[in-house]
Amino acid sequence: MIREIVDPDERERVFERARMFAGSEEQYLAPEWLARSDVYCVAQENAYNGYHDDPESLVRAFECFPDASWYAVETAGRKKLSDPVGVTDPLYHLTAVTGTDNFESYYHPRGFMLFSLDSDAVILYSPDYGYRLIAGSAQFVQAYIDGAKLDPIQELREWFQEKIDDRRQEGNEQAAIAIERTMNTGLAQVRLPPPANELT
C-alpha cells in the first residue's frame, strides 16, 4: 500500500533525501548529485503519469536493493517538495493498471519522484515533459537497462521524433522545436554505466 507519513522525524528524513535528488525544476534531477562519479542516469519515454509499462526492467533494478526503504514525493514545480508517502511495493505501484493504490492514480497529473532512503536509486516521473529519468548507482542503472525490453534512449528518441514529425506535418514548427528541446533536456542528463561485466 501507499503509506502516509505522520511521524515528523521520518518526514524530515524523507524530505532531506528528496532534496538531495531533486533539481530546481520538475523535469530535472539535481545536477550536483548527477555530477558524482558514481551516479549514472538513463532516460525513457513516459507517456503515462506514474505507470511504468516495462516491468522487467524494474524487477532487475529493484532486485539490486531488496531491503531498501522506498518513498515518493510530489515534484511538480519543485519550489516545494510535497505529499511524501512510504512505498511498500514499488514494483506494484508503478505497474498496476487499475485501482487507486498506484502512482498513476495517486499523483495524477503531477510529477513525482520515487527513491530509496538508503541506496543510490531514484526514478523521476515527469508527465508534463514526456519522459522519466532513472538514476543511481552503476548496478541499479545497469540492471534497469539490462532488463528493459527496448533500448531506453532509443525508445525516447523515437517517441519524441514521432511527436516532432506530427507537429511539422501540421505546419507548427514552433511546437516541433519545443518538443525537440524537451527531448534534449531529458537526454542531457543521460550518463550510462559501464557494461555489466565490468562492474564485477
N, C-alpha and C. Protein backbone atom coordinates (compact mmCIF):
# COMPACT_ATOMS: atom_id res chain seq x y z
N MET A 1 0.83 -1.19 0.00
CA MET A 1 0.00 0.00 0.00
C MET A 1 0.87 1.25 0.00
N ILE A 2 0.29 2.36 -0.37
CA ILE A 2 0.95 3.66 -0.27
C ILE A 2 0.63 4.22 1.11
N ARG A 3 1.67 4.47 1.88
CA ARG A 3 1.50 4.79 3.30
C ARG A 3 1.78 6.28 3.56
N GLU A 4 0.82 6.95 4.18
CA GLU A 4 1.05 8.34 4.57
C GLU A 4 2.08 8.39 5.70
N ILE A 5 2.88 9.43 5.70
CA ILE A 5 3.93 9.58 6.71
C ILE A 5 3.48 10.62 7.73
N VAL A 6 3.28 10.18 8.96
CA VAL A 6 2.81 11.09 10.00
C VAL A 6 3.91 11.42 11.01
N ASP A 7 4.89 10.54 11.14
CA ASP A 7 5.97 10.79 12.10
C ASP A 7 6.84 11.94 11.60
N PRO A 8 7.01 13.02 12.38
CA PRO A 8 7.76 14.19 11.90
C PRO A 8 9.23 13.90 11.62
N ASP A 9 9.85 13.03 12.40
CA ASP A 9 11.25 12.70 12.16
C ASP A 9 11.42 11.93 10.85
N GLU A 10 10.49 11.02 10.59
CA GLU A 10 10.54 10.27 9.33
C GLU A 10 10.31 11.20 8.15
N ARG A 11 9.35 12.11 8.29
CA ARG A 11 9.09 13.07 7.20
C ARG A 11 10.33 13.89 6.90
N GLU A 12 11.03 14.33 7.93
CA GLU A 12 12.22 15.15 7.72
C GLU A 12 13.32 14.34 7.02
N ARG A 13 13.49 13.08 7.40
CA ARG A 13 14.48 12.23 6.73
C ARG A 13 14.13 12.05 5.25
N VAL A 14 12.84 11.88 4.97
CA VAL A 14 12.40 11.70 3.59
C VAL A 14 12.66 12.97 2.78
N PHE A 15 12.29 14.11 3.33
CA PHE A 15 12.50 15.37 2.62
C PHE A 15 13.98 15.67 2.42
N GLU A 16 14.80 15.37 3.42
CA GLU A 16 16.23 15.61 3.29
C GLU A 16 16.81 14.77 2.15
N ARG A 17 16.39 13.52 2.07
CA ARG A 17 16.86 12.65 0.99
C ARG A 17 16.33 13.13 -0.36
N ALA A 18 15.07 13.53 -0.40
CA ALA A 18 14.47 14.00 -1.65
C ALA A 18 15.17 15.26 -2.15
N ARG A 19 15.54 16.15 -1.24
CA ARG A 19 16.23 17.38 -1.65
C ARG A 19 17.58 17.08 -2.29
N MET A 20 18.23 15.99 -1.87
CA MET A 20 19.49 15.61 -2.48
C MET A 20 19.29 15.23 -3.94
N PHE A 21 18.19 14.53 -4.24
CA PHE A 21 17.92 14.06 -5.59
C PHE A 21 17.30 15.14 -6.48
N ALA A 22 16.57 16.05 -5.89
CA ALA A 22 15.70 16.94 -6.66
C ALA A 22 16.47 18.11 -7.27
N GLY A 23 16.11 18.43 -8.50
CA GLY A 23 16.65 19.61 -9.15
C GLY A 23 15.79 20.82 -8.87
N SER A 24 16.11 21.93 -9.51
CA SER A 24 15.37 23.16 -9.27
C SER A 24 14.10 23.24 -10.10
N GLU A 25 13.95 22.36 -11.08
CA GLU A 25 12.75 22.33 -11.90
C GLU A 25 12.23 20.91 -11.96
N GLU A 26 10.93 20.78 -12.27
CA GLU A 26 10.27 19.48 -12.22
C GLU A 26 10.89 18.46 -13.16
N GLN A 27 11.42 18.92 -14.31
CA GLN A 27 11.89 17.95 -15.29
C GLN A 27 13.35 17.55 -15.12
N TYR A 28 14.01 18.02 -14.06
CA TYR A 28 15.42 17.73 -13.85
C TYR A 28 15.65 16.96 -12.55
N LEU A 29 16.73 16.22 -12.52
CA LEU A 29 17.31 15.78 -11.26
C LEU A 29 18.45 16.74 -10.91
N ALA A 30 18.87 16.73 -9.66
CA ALA A 30 19.85 17.71 -9.19
C ALA A 30 21.19 17.53 -9.92
N PRO A 31 21.69 18.56 -10.58
CA PRO A 31 22.97 18.43 -11.28
C PRO A 31 24.13 18.12 -10.34
N GLU A 32 24.05 18.61 -9.09
CA GLU A 32 25.12 18.33 -8.13
C GLU A 32 25.20 16.84 -7.82
N TRP A 33 24.04 16.21 -7.72
CA TRP A 33 24.02 14.77 -7.43
C TRP A 33 24.44 13.98 -8.66
N LEU A 34 23.91 14.34 -9.83
CA LEU A 34 24.24 13.61 -11.05
C LEU A 34 25.72 13.77 -11.44
N ALA A 35 26.37 14.82 -10.96
CA ALA A 35 27.77 15.05 -11.30
C ALA A 35 28.71 14.11 -10.55
N ARG A 36 28.20 13.43 -9.53
CA ARG A 36 29.05 12.49 -8.81
C ARG A 36 29.52 11.38 -9.74
N SER A 37 30.77 10.96 -9.57
CA SER A 37 31.35 9.97 -10.47
C SER A 37 30.69 8.60 -10.35
N ASP A 38 30.03 8.33 -9.22
CA ASP A 38 29.41 7.02 -9.02
C ASP A 38 27.93 7.01 -9.35
N VAL A 39 27.42 8.09 -9.94
CA VAL A 39 25.99 8.19 -10.26
C VAL A 39 25.81 8.17 -11.78
N TYR A 40 24.83 7.39 -12.23
CA TYR A 40 24.54 7.25 -13.65
C TYR A 40 23.06 7.52 -13.89
N CYS A 41 22.70 7.75 -15.15
CA CYS A 41 21.31 8.12 -15.43
C CYS A 41 20.93 7.71 -16.85
N VAL A 42 19.71 7.20 -17.01
CA VAL A 42 19.18 6.87 -18.33
C VAL A 42 17.79 7.49 -18.44
N ALA A 43 17.40 7.88 -19.65
CA ALA A 43 16.10 8.49 -19.89
C ALA A 43 15.23 7.54 -20.70
N GLN A 44 13.93 7.61 -20.43
CA GLN A 44 13.00 6.73 -21.13
C GLN A 44 11.67 7.44 -21.32
N GLU A 45 10.94 7.02 -22.34
CA GLU A 45 9.63 7.60 -22.62
C GLU A 45 8.68 7.39 -21.45
N ASN A 46 7.82 8.36 -21.20
CA ASN A 46 6.85 8.28 -20.11
C ASN A 46 5.52 8.86 -20.58
N ALA A 47 4.77 8.07 -21.33
CA ALA A 47 3.51 8.56 -21.87
C ALA A 47 2.43 8.68 -20.80
N TYR A 48 2.60 7.96 -19.70
CA TYR A 48 1.61 7.97 -18.63
C TYR A 48 2.24 8.52 -17.36
N ASN A 49 1.40 9.08 -16.51
CA ASN A 49 1.89 9.61 -15.25
C ASN A 49 2.01 8.48 -14.23
N GLY A 50 3.24 8.03 -13.99
CA GLY A 50 3.45 7.05 -12.94
C GLY A 50 3.09 5.63 -13.30
N TYR A 51 2.74 5.35 -14.55
CA TYR A 51 2.51 3.97 -14.95
C TYR A 51 3.70 3.51 -15.76
N HIS A 52 4.37 2.49 -15.31
CA HIS A 52 5.61 2.02 -15.92
C HIS A 52 5.31 0.75 -16.69
N ASP A 53 5.39 0.82 -18.02
CA ASP A 53 4.94 -0.31 -18.84
C ASP A 53 6.07 -1.25 -19.25
N ASP A 54 7.16 -1.24 -18.50
CA ASP A 54 8.29 -2.13 -18.78
C ASP A 54 8.72 -2.77 -17.46
N PRO A 55 7.87 -3.64 -16.88
CA PRO A 55 8.15 -4.15 -15.53
C PRO A 55 9.42 -4.98 -15.43
N GLU A 56 9.83 -5.62 -16.55
CA GLU A 56 11.05 -6.43 -16.48
C GLU A 56 12.25 -5.59 -16.06
N SER A 57 12.34 -4.40 -16.57
CA SER A 57 13.45 -3.52 -16.21
C SER A 57 13.40 -3.14 -14.74
N LEU A 58 12.19 -2.89 -14.23
CA LEU A 58 12.04 -2.52 -12.83
C LEU A 58 12.39 -3.67 -11.90
N VAL A 59 11.98 -4.88 -12.27
CA VAL A 59 12.27 -6.05 -11.43
C VAL A 59 13.77 -6.15 -11.20
N ARG A 60 14.55 -6.10 -12.26
CA ARG A 60 16.00 -6.23 -12.14
C ARG A 60 16.59 -5.08 -11.32
N ALA A 61 16.10 -3.87 -11.53
CA ALA A 61 16.63 -2.72 -10.81
C ALA A 61 16.34 -2.83 -9.31
N PHE A 62 15.10 -3.16 -8.96
CA PHE A 62 14.73 -3.25 -7.55
C PHE A 62 15.43 -4.42 -6.85
N GLU A 63 15.77 -5.45 -7.61
CA GLU A 63 16.49 -6.58 -7.02
C GLU A 63 17.88 -6.19 -6.52
N CYS A 64 18.40 -5.07 -7.01
CA CYS A 64 19.71 -4.60 -6.52
C CYS A 64 19.65 -4.22 -5.05
N PHE A 65 18.48 -3.75 -4.61
CA PHE A 65 18.34 -3.28 -3.23
C PHE A 65 17.10 -3.93 -2.60
N PRO A 66 17.15 -5.23 -2.31
CA PRO A 66 15.96 -5.93 -1.82
C PRO A 66 15.47 -5.44 -0.46
N ASP A 67 16.36 -4.86 0.33
CA ASP A 67 15.96 -4.41 1.67
C ASP A 67 15.79 -2.90 1.77
N ALA A 68 15.77 -2.21 0.64
CA ALA A 68 15.70 -0.76 0.66
C ALA A 68 14.32 -0.28 1.12
N SER A 69 14.32 0.90 1.73
CA SER A 69 13.08 1.58 2.09
C SER A 69 12.77 2.60 1.00
N TRP A 70 11.58 2.50 0.39
CA TRP A 70 11.22 3.35 -0.75
C TRP A 70 10.18 4.39 -0.35
N TYR A 71 10.35 5.58 -0.92
CA TYR A 71 9.43 6.69 -0.66
C TYR A 71 9.17 7.43 -1.97
N ALA A 72 8.13 8.24 -1.97
CA ALA A 72 7.84 9.08 -3.12
C ALA A 72 7.42 10.46 -2.63
N VAL A 73 7.74 11.48 -3.43
CA VAL A 73 7.29 12.84 -3.15
C VAL A 73 6.84 13.49 -4.45
N GLU A 74 5.90 14.41 -4.33
CA GLU A 74 5.49 15.20 -5.49
C GLU A 74 6.61 16.17 -5.84
N THR A 75 6.85 16.36 -7.14
CA THR A 75 7.92 17.27 -7.57
C THR A 75 7.41 18.38 -8.48
N ALA A 76 6.13 18.44 -8.76
CA ALA A 76 5.61 19.45 -9.68
C ALA A 76 5.97 20.84 -9.21
N GLY A 77 6.62 21.60 -10.08
CA GLY A 77 7.03 22.95 -9.73
C GLY A 77 8.34 23.00 -8.98
N ARG A 78 8.59 22.01 -8.15
CA ARG A 78 9.83 21.81 -7.41
C ARG A 78 10.20 22.97 -6.48
N LYS A 79 9.34 24.01 -6.39
CA LYS A 79 9.63 25.06 -5.43
C LYS A 79 9.50 24.51 -4.02
N LYS A 80 8.62 23.53 -3.88
CA LYS A 80 8.45 22.89 -2.58
C LYS A 80 8.07 21.44 -2.80
N LEU A 81 8.93 20.52 -2.41
CA LEU A 81 8.59 19.11 -2.47
C LEU A 81 7.44 18.85 -1.49
N SER A 82 6.50 18.01 -1.88
CA SER A 82 5.34 17.82 -1.02
C SER A 82 4.76 16.43 -1.19
N ASP A 83 3.76 16.14 -0.35
CA ASP A 83 2.99 14.91 -0.41
C ASP A 83 3.87 13.66 -0.34
N PRO A 84 4.70 13.53 0.70
CA PRO A 84 5.56 12.35 0.80
C PRO A 84 4.77 11.13 1.26
N VAL A 85 5.10 9.96 0.71
CA VAL A 85 4.45 8.72 1.10
C VAL A 85 5.50 7.62 1.20
N GLY A 86 5.23 6.63 2.03
CA GLY A 86 6.03 5.42 2.08
C GLY A 86 5.49 4.44 1.06
N VAL A 87 6.38 3.63 0.49
CA VAL A 87 6.01 2.73 -0.59
C VAL A 87 6.39 1.30 -0.19
N THR A 88 5.39 0.47 0.02
CA THR A 88 5.67 -0.89 0.47
C THR A 88 6.07 -1.82 -0.67
N ASP A 89 5.56 -1.56 -1.87
CA ASP A 89 5.84 -2.43 -3.02
C ASP A 89 5.98 -1.56 -4.26
N PRO A 90 7.17 -1.01 -4.50
CA PRO A 90 7.33 -0.06 -5.62
C PRO A 90 7.00 -0.67 -6.97
N LEU A 91 7.30 -1.94 -7.16
CA LEU A 91 7.01 -2.57 -8.45
C LEU A 91 5.51 -2.58 -8.72
N TYR A 92 4.74 -2.93 -7.71
CA TYR A 92 3.28 -2.97 -7.88
C TYR A 92 2.74 -1.57 -8.17
N HIS A 93 3.14 -0.61 -7.38
CA HIS A 93 2.58 0.73 -7.51
C HIS A 93 2.93 1.38 -8.85
N LEU A 94 4.03 0.94 -9.48
CA LEU A 94 4.43 1.51 -10.76
C LEU A 94 3.87 0.75 -11.96
N THR A 95 3.35 -0.45 -11.75
CA THR A 95 2.88 -1.25 -12.89
C THR A 95 1.41 -1.62 -12.79
N ALA A 96 0.76 -1.32 -11.68
CA ALA A 96 -0.67 -1.64 -11.54
C ALA A 96 -1.47 -0.81 -12.55
N VAL A 97 -2.30 -1.49 -13.32
CA VAL A 97 -3.04 -0.83 -14.40
C VAL A 97 -4.31 -0.18 -13.87
N THR A 98 -4.94 -0.79 -12.87
CA THR A 98 -6.21 -0.27 -12.38
C THR A 98 -6.14 -0.08 -10.87
N GLY A 99 -7.16 0.57 -10.34
CA GLY A 99 -7.27 0.76 -8.90
C GLY A 99 -6.69 2.08 -8.46
N THR A 100 -6.89 2.39 -7.19
CA THR A 100 -6.43 3.67 -6.65
C THR A 100 -5.11 3.54 -5.93
N ASP A 101 -4.62 2.31 -5.74
CA ASP A 101 -3.40 2.10 -4.97
C ASP A 101 -2.18 2.04 -5.88
N ASN A 102 -2.11 2.97 -6.81
CA ASN A 102 -0.95 3.05 -7.69
C ASN A 102 -0.60 4.53 -7.92
N PHE A 103 0.59 4.75 -8.42
CA PHE A 103 1.06 6.13 -8.56
C PHE A 103 0.32 6.89 -9.64
N GLU A 104 -0.12 6.19 -10.68
CA GLU A 104 -0.83 6.89 -11.75
C GLU A 104 -2.09 7.57 -11.20
N SER A 105 -2.76 6.89 -10.28
CA SER A 105 -3.95 7.47 -9.65
C SER A 105 -3.57 8.46 -8.56
N TYR A 106 -2.57 8.11 -7.76
CA TYR A 106 -2.26 8.91 -6.58
C TYR A 106 -1.71 10.28 -6.95
N TYR A 107 -0.80 10.34 -7.89
CA TYR A 107 -0.14 11.61 -8.22
C TYR A 107 -0.69 12.28 -9.47
N HIS A 108 -1.64 11.67 -10.15
CA HIS A 108 -2.15 12.24 -11.40
C HIS A 108 -2.70 13.63 -11.18
N PRO A 109 -2.37 14.62 -12.03
CA PRO A 109 -1.40 14.54 -13.14
C PRO A 109 -0.04 15.13 -12.75
N ARG A 110 0.32 15.03 -11.50
CA ARG A 110 1.53 15.70 -11.01
C ARG A 110 2.78 14.87 -11.25
N GLY A 111 3.92 15.54 -11.37
CA GLY A 111 5.19 14.83 -11.43
C GLY A 111 5.58 14.35 -10.04
N PHE A 112 6.31 13.25 -9.99
CA PHE A 112 6.75 12.75 -8.69
C PHE A 112 8.06 11.99 -8.85
N MET A 113 8.67 11.70 -7.72
CA MET A 113 9.96 11.04 -7.69
C MET A 113 9.88 9.88 -6.70
N LEU A 114 10.25 8.69 -7.15
CA LEU A 114 10.35 7.50 -6.29
C LEU A 114 11.82 7.30 -5.98
N PHE A 115 12.16 7.08 -4.71
CA PHE A 115 13.58 6.98 -4.37
C PHE A 115 13.77 6.10 -3.14
N SER A 116 15.00 5.62 -3.02
CA SER A 116 15.38 4.82 -1.86
C SER A 116 15.95 5.73 -0.79
N LEU A 117 15.59 5.45 0.43
CA LEU A 117 16.08 6.26 1.53
C LEU A 117 17.53 5.93 1.87
N ASP A 118 17.98 4.73 1.50
CA ASP A 118 19.30 4.29 1.95
C ASP A 118 20.21 3.78 0.83
N SER A 119 19.77 3.89 -0.43
CA SER A 119 20.60 3.45 -1.56
C SER A 119 20.51 4.49 -2.67
N ASP A 120 21.53 4.53 -3.54
CA ASP A 120 21.52 5.49 -4.64
C ASP A 120 20.62 4.97 -5.75
N ALA A 121 19.35 5.32 -5.67
CA ALA A 121 18.37 4.88 -6.65
C ALA A 121 17.19 5.83 -6.64
N VAL A 122 16.85 6.37 -7.81
CA VAL A 122 15.72 7.29 -7.91
C VAL A 122 15.15 7.21 -9.32
N ILE A 123 13.82 7.31 -9.42
CA ILE A 123 13.15 7.39 -10.71
C ILE A 123 12.27 8.63 -10.68
N LEU A 124 12.54 9.56 -11.60
CA LEU A 124 11.77 10.80 -11.69
C LEU A 124 10.75 10.66 -12.82
N TYR A 125 9.48 10.80 -12.50
CA TYR A 125 8.41 10.76 -13.50
C TYR A 125 7.99 12.18 -13.80
N SER A 126 8.12 12.57 -15.04
CA SER A 126 7.88 13.94 -15.45
C SER A 126 6.81 13.95 -16.53
N PRO A 127 5.54 13.77 -16.17
CA PRO A 127 4.49 13.57 -17.18
C PRO A 127 4.31 14.75 -18.12
N ASP A 128 4.45 15.96 -17.62
CA ASP A 128 4.26 17.12 -18.48
C ASP A 128 5.32 17.21 -19.57
N TYR A 129 6.45 16.52 -19.36
CA TYR A 129 7.54 16.62 -20.32
C TYR A 129 7.78 15.32 -21.06
N GLY A 130 7.00 14.28 -20.80
CA GLY A 130 7.02 13.10 -21.62
C GLY A 130 8.13 12.11 -21.40
N TYR A 131 8.90 12.25 -20.32
CA TYR A 131 9.96 11.26 -20.10
C TYR A 131 10.16 11.03 -18.61
N ARG A 132 10.86 9.93 -18.31
CA ARG A 132 11.26 9.63 -16.94
C ARG A 132 12.78 9.52 -16.92
N LEU A 133 13.36 9.76 -15.75
CA LEU A 133 14.80 9.61 -15.56
C LEU A 133 15.03 8.56 -14.50
N ILE A 134 15.87 7.58 -14.81
CA ILE A 134 16.21 6.50 -13.88
C ILE A 134 17.68 6.69 -13.52
N ALA A 135 17.99 6.96 -12.28
CA ALA A 135 19.35 7.32 -11.91
C ALA A 135 19.76 6.65 -10.61
N GLY A 136 21.08 6.53 -10.44
CA GLY A 136 21.60 5.95 -9.22
C GLY A 136 22.93 5.29 -9.45
N SER A 137 23.20 4.26 -8.67
CA SER A 137 24.48 3.54 -8.76
C SER A 137 24.59 2.83 -10.11
N ALA A 138 25.82 2.46 -10.47
CA ALA A 138 26.04 1.73 -11.71
C ALA A 138 25.23 0.44 -11.73
N GLN A 139 25.18 -0.28 -10.59
CA GLN A 139 24.44 -1.54 -10.53
C GLN A 139 22.95 -1.33 -10.78
N PHE A 140 22.38 -0.28 -10.19
CA PHE A 140 20.95 -0.01 -10.32
C PHE A 140 20.60 0.33 -11.77
N VAL A 141 21.34 1.26 -12.36
CA VAL A 141 21.02 1.69 -13.72
C VAL A 141 21.34 0.60 -14.74
N GLN A 142 22.44 -0.10 -14.55
CA GLN A 142 22.78 -1.17 -15.49
C GLN A 142 21.77 -2.30 -15.43
N ALA A 143 21.33 -2.64 -14.23
CA ALA A 143 20.31 -3.69 -14.10
C ALA A 143 19.02 -3.26 -14.79
N TYR A 144 18.69 -1.97 -14.69
CA TYR A 144 17.50 -1.46 -15.36
C TYR A 144 17.64 -1.59 -16.88
N ILE A 145 18.77 -1.16 -17.42
CA ILE A 145 18.99 -1.24 -18.86
C ILE A 145 18.96 -2.69 -19.33
N ASP A 146 19.62 -3.58 -18.58
CA ASP A 146 19.68 -4.99 -18.96
C ASP A 146 18.30 -5.64 -18.96
N GLY A 147 17.42 -5.13 -18.09
CA GLY A 147 16.08 -5.72 -18.01
C GLY A 147 15.07 -5.12 -18.96
N ALA A 148 15.42 -4.01 -19.60
CA ALA A 148 14.46 -3.32 -20.47
C ALA A 148 14.20 -4.10 -21.75
N LYS A 149 12.96 -4.06 -22.21
CA LYS A 149 12.60 -4.73 -23.46
C LYS A 149 13.22 -3.99 -24.65
N LEU A 150 13.31 -2.67 -24.55
CA LEU A 150 13.85 -1.84 -25.61
C LEU A 150 14.97 -0.98 -25.06
N ASP A 151 15.83 -0.50 -25.94
CA ASP A 151 16.85 0.45 -25.52
C ASP A 151 16.15 1.72 -25.04
N PRO A 152 16.30 2.10 -23.76
CA PRO A 152 15.54 3.23 -23.23
C PRO A 152 15.77 4.54 -23.98
N ILE A 153 17.01 4.81 -24.35
CA ILE A 153 17.30 6.08 -25.04
C ILE A 153 16.72 6.07 -26.44
N GLN A 154 16.86 4.96 -27.14
CA GLN A 154 16.30 4.87 -28.49
C GLN A 154 14.78 4.99 -28.45
N GLU A 155 14.17 4.37 -27.44
CA GLU A 155 12.72 4.48 -27.28
C GLU A 155 12.31 5.93 -27.09
N LEU A 156 13.05 6.66 -26.26
CA LEU A 156 12.74 8.06 -26.02
C LEU A 156 12.86 8.87 -27.30
N ARG A 157 13.94 8.67 -28.04
CA ARG A 157 14.15 9.40 -29.29
C ARG A 157 13.02 9.14 -30.28
N GLU A 158 12.65 7.87 -30.44
CA GLU A 158 11.60 7.52 -31.40
C GLU A 158 10.26 8.11 -30.99
N TRP A 159 9.96 8.06 -29.68
CA TRP A 159 8.70 8.59 -29.18
C TRP A 159 8.60 10.08 -29.44
N PHE A 160 9.68 10.81 -29.15
CA PHE A 160 9.68 12.25 -29.38
C PHE A 160 9.69 12.57 -30.86
N GLN A 161 10.44 11.82 -31.66
CA GLN A 161 10.53 12.11 -33.09
C GLN A 161 9.16 12.01 -33.75
N GLU A 162 8.37 11.04 -33.31
CA GLU A 162 7.01 10.91 -33.85
C GLU A 162 6.20 12.17 -33.56
N LYS A 163 6.33 12.70 -32.33
CA LYS A 163 5.61 13.91 -31.97
C LYS A 163 6.13 15.12 -32.76
N ILE A 164 7.45 15.19 -32.92
CA ILE A 164 8.06 16.28 -33.69
C ILE A 164 7.56 16.24 -35.13
N ASP A 165 7.57 15.06 -35.74
CA ASP A 165 7.12 14.92 -37.13
C ASP A 165 5.65 15.31 -37.28
N ASP A 166 4.82 14.92 -36.30
CA ASP A 166 3.40 15.28 -36.35
C ASP A 166 3.22 16.79 -36.37
N ARG A 167 3.96 17.49 -35.49
CA ARG A 167 3.82 18.95 -35.43
C ARG A 167 4.30 19.61 -36.73
N ARG A 168 5.35 19.06 -37.31
CA ARG A 168 5.86 19.63 -38.56
C ARG A 168 4.87 19.41 -39.70
N GLN A 169 4.22 18.25 -39.72
CA GLN A 169 3.21 17.98 -40.75
C GLN A 169 2.03 18.92 -40.61
N GLU A 170 1.76 19.34 -39.36
CA GLU A 170 0.67 20.29 -39.12
C GLU A 170 1.10 21.72 -39.45
N GLY A 171 2.39 21.91 -39.73
CA GLY A 171 2.90 23.25 -40.02
C GLY A 171 3.23 24.05 -38.77
N ASN A 172 3.31 23.36 -37.63
CA ASN A 172 3.58 24.05 -36.36
C ASN A 172 5.05 23.85 -35.99
N GLU A 173 5.93 24.64 -36.59
CA GLU A 173 7.36 24.49 -36.38
C GLU A 173 7.77 24.86 -34.96
N GLN A 174 7.10 25.86 -34.39
CA GLN A 174 7.44 26.26 -33.02
C GLN A 174 7.20 25.12 -32.03
N ALA A 175 6.08 24.43 -32.19
CA ALA A 175 5.78 23.30 -31.31
C ALA A 175 6.79 22.19 -31.52
N ALA A 176 7.18 21.96 -32.77
CA ALA A 176 8.17 20.91 -33.05
C ALA A 176 9.50 21.23 -32.38
N ILE A 177 9.90 22.48 -32.42
CA ILE A 177 11.16 22.89 -31.79
C ILE A 177 11.07 22.74 -30.28
N ALA A 178 9.91 23.09 -29.71
CA ALA A 178 9.72 22.97 -28.26
C ALA A 178 9.80 21.51 -27.82
N ILE A 179 9.21 20.60 -28.60
CA ILE A 179 9.26 19.18 -28.26
C ILE A 179 10.69 18.67 -28.37
N GLU A 180 11.40 19.10 -29.39
CA GLU A 180 12.79 18.70 -29.54
C GLU A 180 13.64 19.19 -28.37
N ARG A 181 13.36 20.39 -27.91
CA ARG A 181 14.08 20.94 -26.76
C ARG A 181 13.80 20.10 -25.51
N THR A 182 12.56 19.67 -25.34
CA THR A 182 12.21 18.83 -24.21
C THR A 182 12.95 17.49 -24.27
N MET A 183 13.01 16.89 -25.46
CA MET A 183 13.75 15.65 -25.61
C MET A 183 15.22 15.85 -25.22
N ASN A 184 15.81 16.93 -25.68
CA ASN A 184 17.22 17.18 -25.38
C ASN A 184 17.44 17.43 -23.89
N THR A 185 16.43 18.00 -23.22
CA THR A 185 16.53 18.19 -21.78
C THR A 185 16.70 16.86 -21.06
N GLY A 186 15.87 15.89 -21.45
CA GLY A 186 15.97 14.57 -20.83
C GLY A 186 17.28 13.88 -21.16
N LEU A 187 17.68 13.94 -22.44
CA LEU A 187 18.89 13.26 -22.85
C LEU A 187 20.15 13.91 -22.28
N ALA A 188 20.07 15.19 -21.94
CA ALA A 188 21.24 15.89 -21.41
C ALA A 188 21.70 15.30 -20.08
N GLN A 189 20.78 14.64 -19.36
CA GLN A 189 21.15 14.08 -18.07
C GLN A 189 21.61 12.62 -18.16
N VAL A 190 21.59 12.06 -19.34
CA VAL A 190 21.97 10.66 -19.51
C VAL A 190 23.47 10.49 -19.31
N ARG A 191 23.81 9.53 -18.47
CA ARG A 191 25.21 9.09 -18.33
C ARG A 191 25.16 7.60 -18.05
N LEU A 192 25.57 6.83 -19.03
CA LEU A 192 25.42 5.38 -18.93
C LEU A 192 26.55 4.74 -18.14
N PRO A 193 26.23 3.73 -17.36
CA PRO A 193 27.26 2.99 -16.61
C PRO A 193 28.05 2.09 -17.55
N PRO A 194 29.19 1.60 -17.11
CA PRO A 194 29.94 0.65 -17.93
C PRO A 194 29.15 -0.65 -18.08
N PRO A 195 29.52 -1.49 -19.05
CA PRO A 195 28.83 -2.77 -19.22
C PRO A 195 28.84 -3.59 -17.94
N ALA A 196 27.83 -4.43 -17.80
CA ALA A 196 27.67 -5.21 -16.57
C ALA A 196 28.90 -6.05 -16.25
N ASN A 197 29.58 -6.59 -17.27
CA ASN A 197 30.74 -7.44 -17.00
C ASN A 197 31.92 -6.67 -16.46
N GLU A 198 31.86 -5.32 -16.54
CA GLU A 198 32.94 -4.50 -15.97
C GLU A 198 32.63 -4.08 -14.54
N LEU A 199 31.41 -4.37 -14.08
CA LEU A 199 31.01 -3.96 -12.72
C LEU A 199 31.44 -4.98 -11.68
N THR A 200 31.74 -6.20 -12.10
CA THR A 200 32.05 -7.25 -11.12
C THR A 200 33.54 -7.38 -10.92
